[in-house]
Amino acid sequence: MEISKDTSKSKSAFFSLILASLKGISQVIFIDRAVSGAIILLAISISSYSLGIITLLSSVIGTLIGKIGGAHENSVSTGLYGYNSVLTGMALTLFLTGPSKWIIALFGAAIAAIFSAAMVHFLKNTAIPILTFPFIILTWFMLLSSYRLKAFQLSNTLIPQSLRQWELNIAGKVNWTEGIFNGIGQIFFLDNILSGILLFIAVFWAGWRFGLYAVIGNAVALFTSYGLGGEHSLILMGLYGYNAILTALAVALVYKTNDNRYALLTGILAACLTVPLTASISTWLLPYGIPTLTMPFVLCTWLFLGARKVFTKM
C-alpha cells in the first residue's frame, strides 16, 4: 500500500515537473499555458529535433533548480525559472561548436536559473520584471569566453566583422510572407515558415489578445525597418521582428494596468523603437561576432515600464 502511494506521488511530481517545464518554454512569450509550450516545442523540434531536446532539458533544469532551491512555488509551477534557461540552452547550442557545446549549453541553462533568482532579488523593490536579461548577459559572456578559453568555440555562423568594411545592402525585394513568420520564429532562433505558423497558433491559443498584439508588433517592425531603409535580408529573416513582438506584448498587454489608457499606443511606439535599437546594438557587437539577442526588447520594455511610474496613463 505504501509502495503504491509512493509511486502515485512520484508520478504526480513528474507530471507537475513536465507541466511546469512546458510552461517554462511558453513563458518566453509571457504565456502560462502548458499546451502552448507543447506547441512551441513541436515548432522547435520540426526545425531541429536536437534543438527541441535541448529546449526541453534546459527548461527542466531551470525548473528543478527553482524547485530544489526553494523558490516560491507559484513562480516555479508557472515556469518563471525555466524561460531564461530555455533561451540560454538554445543559444549556446546554436552559437557554439565543438564536443563540449552540449555540456556548456546545459550548464548555462542551470546558471541562468540562478542568475534569474538573483535578478528577482535585485529588482524586487522596483516592480520591474527581469525579462530575458539573465539570458542575454550570460550568453554574451559565455560566447566572449571563446576568445580566451579553448573549450568555448564559436560557431562559423558568428563571424566578427570590421565596421570599416561594412556595407549596407538594401537591394532586392522583401518577401513579406517569410518576414511575417520568421519574425515570430526568431524569438526561438527559428528560420522556418512552418515553425512560425505553429508559434502563432501557440500564441493565439493563449488568447486572441496575445495573438493580435503579436501580429501588431510584427507588422510594426516590418514597416518600420523597411521604411527606415533596413537591409532586406535581415527583414526577410525576421531579425527586426522578434524584439518588436516581445516588446509590444510586454508594454501593451502583459504589464498593462487599468490606469494605462494609452497602453496600445505606447506598445506600438515601443515596438517601433526596437528597430533602430536593434540596428545600433548589432553594429556595436559586429566586431565581436556576437548576436543582438533580445536586448532591444529588454531595454525598450524597461524604458516604458519605468516611465509609467511617472506617466501613469501611458
Protein backbone atom coordinates (compact mmCIF):
# COMPACT_ATOMS: atom_id res chain seq x y z
CA MET A 1 0.00 0.00 0.00
CA GLU A 2 2.83 2.38 0.92
CA ILE A 3 4.64 1.47 -2.28
CA SER A 4 1.50 2.33 -4.26
CA LYS A 5 1.27 5.73 -2.53
CA ASP A 6 4.95 6.45 -3.19
CA THR A 7 4.51 5.52 -6.85
CA SER A 8 1.47 7.78 -7.11
CA LYS A 9 3.39 10.67 -5.54
CA SER A 10 6.32 10.10 -7.91
CA LYS A 11 4.04 10.15 -10.94
CA SER A 12 2.34 13.30 -9.70
CA ALA A 13 5.69 15.01 -9.10
CA PHE A 14 6.94 14.00 -12.55
CA PHE A 15 3.73 15.22 -14.20
CA SER A 16 3.97 18.54 -12.34
CA LEU A 17 7.60 18.92 -13.44
CA ILE A 18 6.74 18.35 -17.10
CA LEU A 19 3.82 20.81 -16.94
CA ALA A 20 6.00 23.47 -15.30
CA SER A 21 8.77 22.82 -17.84
CA LEU A 22 6.36 23.24 -20.77
CA LYS A 23 5.21 26.50 -19.21
CA GLY A 24 8.88 27.47 -18.92
CA ILE A 25 9.05 27.23 -22.71
CA SER A 26 5.86 29.23 -23.25
CA GLN A 27 6.92 31.91 -20.73
CA VAL A 28 9.48 33.09 -23.28
CA ILE A 29 6.49 34.87 -24.82
CA PHE A 30 4.71 35.54 -21.49
CA ILE A 31 2.31 32.60 -21.80
CA ASP A 32 1.37 30.48 -18.78
CA ARG A 33 -0.04 27.51 -20.68
CA ALA A 34 1.42 24.03 -20.98
CA VAL A 35 -0.44 23.41 -24.27
CA SER A 36 1.17 26.49 -25.83
CA GLY A 37 4.53 25.27 -24.52
CA ALA A 38 3.96 21.88 -26.17
CA ILE A 39 3.09 23.55 -29.50
CA ILE A 40 6.20 25.72 -29.27
CA LEU A 41 8.32 22.66 -28.50
CA LEU A 42 6.84 20.99 -31.58
CA ALA A 43 7.69 24.06 -33.68
CA ILE A 44 11.29 23.93 -32.46
CA SER A 45 11.59 20.17 -32.97
CA ILE A 46 10.29 20.44 -36.54
CA SER A 47 13.15 22.81 -37.28
CA SER A 48 15.69 20.69 -35.37
CA TYR A 49 14.89 17.67 -33.20
CA SER A 50 18.21 18.03 -31.32
CA LEU A 51 17.37 21.65 -30.54
CA GLY A 52 13.97 20.50 -29.30
CA ILE A 53 15.66 18.09 -26.89
CA ILE A 54 17.97 20.82 -25.58
CA THR A 55 14.97 23.14 -25.19
CA LEU A 56 13.05 20.67 -23.03
CA LEU A 57 16.10 19.66 -20.98
CA SER A 58 17.01 23.31 -20.37
CA SER A 59 13.52 24.08 -19.12
CA VAL A 60 13.52 21.00 -16.87
CA ILE A 61 16.90 22.02 -15.43
CA GLY A 62 15.79 25.59 -14.72
CA THR A 63 12.53 24.38 -13.17
CA LEU A 64 14.29 21.80 -10.99
CA ILE A 65 16.78 24.36 -9.71
CA GLY A 66 13.93 26.69 -8.81
CA LYS A 67 12.10 23.87 -7.01
CA ILE A 68 15.13 22.43 -5.20
CA GLY A 69 16.38 25.92 -4.37
CA GLY A 70 13.15 26.73 -2.54
CA ALA A 71 11.76 29.44 -4.81
CA HIS A 72 8.12 30.48 -4.44
CA GLU A 73 6.01 27.51 -5.53
CA ASN A 74 3.80 29.56 -7.85
CA SER A 75 6.84 31.02 -9.64
CA VAL A 76 8.22 27.53 -10.22
CA SER A 77 4.93 25.98 -11.34
CA THR A 78 4.22 28.77 -13.83
CA GLY A 79 7.61 28.33 -15.50
CA LEU A 80 9.25 31.56 -14.39
CA TYR A 81 12.55 29.80 -13.69
CA GLY A 82 12.51 27.96 -17.00
CA TYR A 83 12.34 30.53 -19.78
CA ASN A 84 15.79 32.13 -19.32
CA SER A 85 17.25 28.63 -19.09
CA VAL A 86 15.45 27.66 -22.32
CA LEU A 87 16.85 30.61 -24.28
CA THR A 88 20.35 30.19 -22.83
CA GLY A 89 20.50 26.49 -23.62
CA MET A 90 19.23 27.06 -27.16
CA ALA A 91 21.57 29.97 -27.86
CA LEU A 92 24.70 28.21 -26.61
CA THR A 93 23.78 25.10 -28.61
CA LEU A 94 23.40 27.14 -31.80
CA PHE A 95 26.26 29.61 -31.40
CA LEU A 96 28.95 27.27 -30.06
CA THR A 97 30.58 24.31 -31.71
CA GLY A 98 32.92 21.52 -30.63
CA PRO A 99 32.49 18.41 -28.47
CA SER A 100 31.74 20.36 -25.27
CA LYS A 101 28.92 22.55 -26.56
CA TRP A 102 26.11 20.31 -25.23
CA ILE A 103 27.60 20.27 -21.73
CA ILE A 104 28.21 24.03 -21.84
CA ALA A 105 24.64 24.64 -23.04
CA LEU A 106 23.07 22.65 -20.20
CA PHE A 107 25.46 24.17 -17.66
CA GLY A 108 24.46 27.60 -18.98
CA ALA A 109 20.80 26.67 -18.55
CA ALA A 110 21.47 25.86 -14.89
CA ILE A 111 23.35 29.11 -14.26
CA ALA A 112 20.55 31.07 -15.99
CA ALA A 113 18.09 29.91 -13.32
CA ILE A 114 20.43 31.05 -10.55
CA PHE A 115 21.02 34.36 -12.34
CA SER A 116 17.25 34.78 -12.66
CA ALA A 117 16.81 34.33 -8.92
CA ALA A 118 19.49 36.93 -8.22
CA MET A 119 17.85 39.42 -10.61
CA VAL A 120 14.45 38.85 -9.00
CA HIS A 121 16.04 39.84 -5.67
CA PHE A 122 17.85 42.89 -7.09
CA LEU A 123 14.73 44.27 -8.80
CA LYS A 124 12.08 43.30 -6.23
CA ASN A 125 11.73 46.86 -4.87
CA THR A 126 11.39 48.41 -8.34
CA ALA A 127 8.47 46.28 -9.57
CA ILE A 128 10.36 46.00 -12.88
CA PRO A 129 10.43 42.45 -14.37
CA ILE A 130 13.73 40.74 -15.11
CA LEU A 131 12.52 39.69 -18.58
CA THR A 132 15.29 37.93 -20.54
CA PHE A 133 18.19 39.96 -19.13
CA PRO A 134 19.85 36.94 -17.40
CA PHE A 135 19.83 35.01 -20.67
CA ILE A 136 21.36 37.91 -22.63
CA ILE A 137 24.22 38.73 -20.28
CA LEU A 138 25.07 35.11 -19.53
CA THR A 139 25.06 34.14 -23.22
CA TRP A 140 27.18 37.14 -24.23
CA PHE A 141 29.77 36.39 -21.54
CA MET A 142 29.97 32.71 -22.40
CA LEU A 143 30.32 33.41 -26.14
CA LEU A 144 33.02 36.01 -25.47
CA SER A 145 34.88 33.40 -23.41
CA SER A 146 35.71 31.73 -26.72
CA TYR A 147 38.44 34.32 -27.30
CA ARG A 148 40.29 33.17 -24.17
CA LEU A 149 39.15 29.62 -23.39
CA LYS A 150 39.62 26.75 -25.84
CA ALA A 151 36.59 24.78 -24.63
CA PHE A 152 34.33 27.59 -25.88
CA GLN A 153 34.40 27.52 -29.69
CA LEU A 154 32.28 29.98 -31.67
CA SER A 155 30.16 28.58 -34.46
CA ASN A 156 31.01 29.53 -38.04
CA THR A 157 27.69 31.39 -38.19
CA LEU A 158 29.17 34.06 -35.90
CA ILE A 159 31.77 36.00 -37.85
CA PRO A 160 33.47 39.09 -36.40
CA GLN A 161 33.45 41.89 -38.98
CA SER A 162 35.25 45.20 -39.24
CA LEU A 163 32.99 48.27 -39.36
CA ARG A 164 35.38 49.84 -41.88
CA GLN A 165 34.44 47.17 -44.43
CA TRP A 166 30.72 47.12 -43.64
CA GLU A 167 28.35 47.99 -46.46
CA LEU A 168 24.58 48.34 -46.19
CA ASN A 169 22.87 46.20 -48.83
CA ILE A 170 19.19 47.05 -49.40
CA ALA A 171 18.93 45.57 -52.89
CA GLY A 172 16.24 43.08 -53.85
CA LYS A 173 12.62 42.58 -52.92
CA VAL A 174 11.25 41.74 -49.49
CA ASN A 175 9.22 38.53 -49.21
CA TRP A 176 6.66 39.77 -46.70
CA THR A 177 5.28 36.30 -46.01
CA GLU A 178 8.66 34.99 -44.90
CA GLY A 179 9.27 38.17 -42.91
CA ILE A 180 5.99 37.70 -41.02
CA PHE A 181 6.58 34.11 -39.94
CA ASN A 182 10.33 34.44 -39.44
CA GLY A 183 9.71 37.42 -37.16
CA ILE A 184 8.00 35.31 -34.53
CA GLY A 185 10.23 32.32 -35.31
CA GLN A 186 13.38 34.25 -34.41
CA ILE A 187 12.19 34.53 -30.81
CA PHE A 188 13.32 30.90 -30.65
CA PHE A 189 16.13 31.27 -33.24
CA LEU A 190 13.97 29.59 -35.92
CA ASP A 191 14.03 30.38 -39.63
CA ASN A 192 11.22 28.13 -40.78
CA ILE A 193 7.78 29.16 -42.05
CA LEU A 194 6.00 26.08 -40.66
CA SER A 195 7.57 26.69 -37.26
CA GLY A 196 6.43 30.32 -37.46
CA ILE A 197 2.87 29.23 -38.19
CA LEU A 198 2.90 26.89 -35.18
CA LEU A 199 4.24 29.66 -32.96
CA PHE A 200 1.37 31.93 -33.98
CA ILE A 201 -1.02 29.08 -33.15
CA ALA A 202 0.61 28.75 -29.72
CA VAL A 203 0.23 32.48 -29.09
CA PHE A 204 -3.41 32.61 -30.23
CA TRP A 205 -4.10 29.54 -28.06
CA ALA A 206 -3.24 31.72 -25.06
CA GLY A 207 -5.87 34.25 -26.10
CA TRP A 208 -6.87 36.38 -29.06
CA ARG A 209 -5.28 39.47 -27.50
CA PHE A 210 -1.91 37.73 -27.33
CA GLY A 211 -2.20 36.77 -30.98
CA LEU A 212 -3.40 40.19 -32.09
CA TYR A 213 -0.66 42.08 -30.26
CA ALA A 214 1.97 39.69 -31.62
CA VAL A 215 0.71 40.40 -35.15
CA ILE A 216 0.72 44.15 -34.48
CA GLY A 217 4.27 44.07 -33.09
CA ASN A 218 5.50 42.09 -36.09
CA ALA A 219 3.78 44.42 -38.58
CA VAL A 220 5.21 47.48 -36.85
CA ALA A 221 8.72 46.04 -37.10
CA LEU A 222 8.35 45.10 -40.76
CA PHE A 223 7.08 48.51 -41.87
CA THR A 224 9.44 50.49 -39.62
CA SER A 225 12.56 48.60 -40.70
CA TYR A 226 11.57 48.82 -44.36
CA GLY A 227 10.67 52.49 -44.08
CA LEU A 228 13.99 53.31 -42.39
CA GLY A 229 15.91 51.54 -45.15
CA GLY A 230 16.87 48.38 -43.30
CA GLU A 231 18.78 45.60 -45.01
CA HIS A 232 16.23 43.45 -46.83
CA SER A 233 17.88 40.16 -45.96
CA LEU A 234 17.59 40.96 -42.24
CA ILE A 235 13.94 41.95 -42.64
CA LEU A 236 13.32 38.70 -44.53
CA MET A 237 14.96 36.65 -41.77
CA GLY A 238 12.78 38.31 -39.12
CA LEU A 239 15.72 39.82 -37.26
CA TYR A 240 13.86 43.10 -36.74
CA GLY A 241 10.58 41.43 -35.84
CA TYR A 242 11.12 39.28 -32.78
CA ASN A 243 12.18 42.05 -30.40
CA ALA A 244 9.22 44.17 -31.54
CA ILE A 245 6.76 41.31 -30.93
CA LEU A 246 8.02 40.73 -27.39
CA THR A 247 8.04 44.45 -26.64
CA ALA A 248 4.51 45.01 -27.94
CA LEU A 249 3.23 42.11 -25.84
CA ALA A 250 5.03 43.31 -22.72
CA VAL A 251 4.18 47.01 -22.89
CA ALA A 252 0.68 46.89 -24.41
CA LEU A 253 -0.69 43.76 -22.72
CA VAL A 254 1.25 41.80 -20.10
CA TYR A 255 2.34 44.68 -17.85
CA LYS A 256 -0.63 46.92 -18.57
CA THR A 257 -2.85 48.14 -15.72
CA ASN A 258 -6.31 49.69 -15.82
CA ASP A 259 -4.73 53.14 -15.45
CA ASN A 260 -2.66 52.73 -18.63
CA ARG A 261 -5.28 54.02 -21.06
CA TYR A 262 -2.72 54.57 -23.83
CA ALA A 263 -1.09 51.15 -23.46
CA LEU A 264 -1.68 50.08 -27.06
CA LEU A 265 -0.22 53.32 -28.40
CA THR A 266 2.83 53.11 -26.14
CA GLY A 267 3.23 49.43 -27.07
CA ILE A 268 3.34 50.33 -30.76
CA LEU A 269 5.78 53.17 -30.09
CA ALA A 270 8.00 50.85 -28.05
CA ALA A 271 7.90 48.24 -30.84
CA CYS A 272 8.97 50.92 -33.34
CA LEU A 273 11.87 51.89 -31.10
CA THR A 274 13.24 48.34 -31.11
CA VAL A 275 14.13 48.68 -34.80
CA PRO A 276 16.80 51.42 -34.56
CA LEU A 277 17.92 49.93 -31.25
CA THR A 278 18.38 46.53 -32.90
CA ALA A 279 20.40 48.18 -35.68
CA SER A 280 22.63 50.04 -33.22
CA ILE A 281 23.27 47.09 -30.87
CA SER A 282 24.02 44.73 -33.77
CA THR A 283 26.50 47.31 -35.11
CA TRP A 284 28.10 47.65 -31.68
CA LEU A 285 28.56 43.86 -31.45
CA LEU A 286 29.66 43.37 -35.06
CA PRO A 287 33.44 43.38 -34.34
CA TYR A 288 32.94 40.56 -31.83
CA GLY A 289 30.58 38.45 -33.93
CA ILE A 290 28.10 38.31 -31.04
CA PRO A 291 24.33 38.25 -31.72
CA THR A 292 21.99 41.01 -30.51
CA LEU A 293 19.63 38.51 -28.87
CA THR A 294 16.69 40.15 -27.03
CA MET A 295 18.50 43.17 -25.60
CA PRO A 296 16.43 45.69 -27.65
CA PHE A 297 13.27 44.16 -26.18
CA VAL A 298 14.60 44.37 -22.62
CA LEU A 299 15.83 47.96 -22.93
CA CYS A 300 12.67 49.26 -24.63
CA THR A 301 10.38 47.46 -22.19
CA TRP A 302 12.31 48.69 -19.16
CA LEU A 303 12.26 52.21 -20.60
CA PHE A 304 8.48 52.32 -20.99
CA LEU A 305 7.64 50.45 -17.80
CA GLY A 306 9.94 52.77 -15.88
CA ALA A 307 8.35 55.82 -17.49
CA ARG A 308 4.93 54.55 -16.39
CA LYS A 309 5.96 55.08 -12.79
CA VAL A 310 5.73 58.81 -13.59
CA PHE A 311 3.45 58.94 -16.64
CA THR A 312 0.75 56.73 -15.16
CA LYS A 313 -1.62 56.94 -18.16
CA MET A 314 0.91 55.56 -20.65
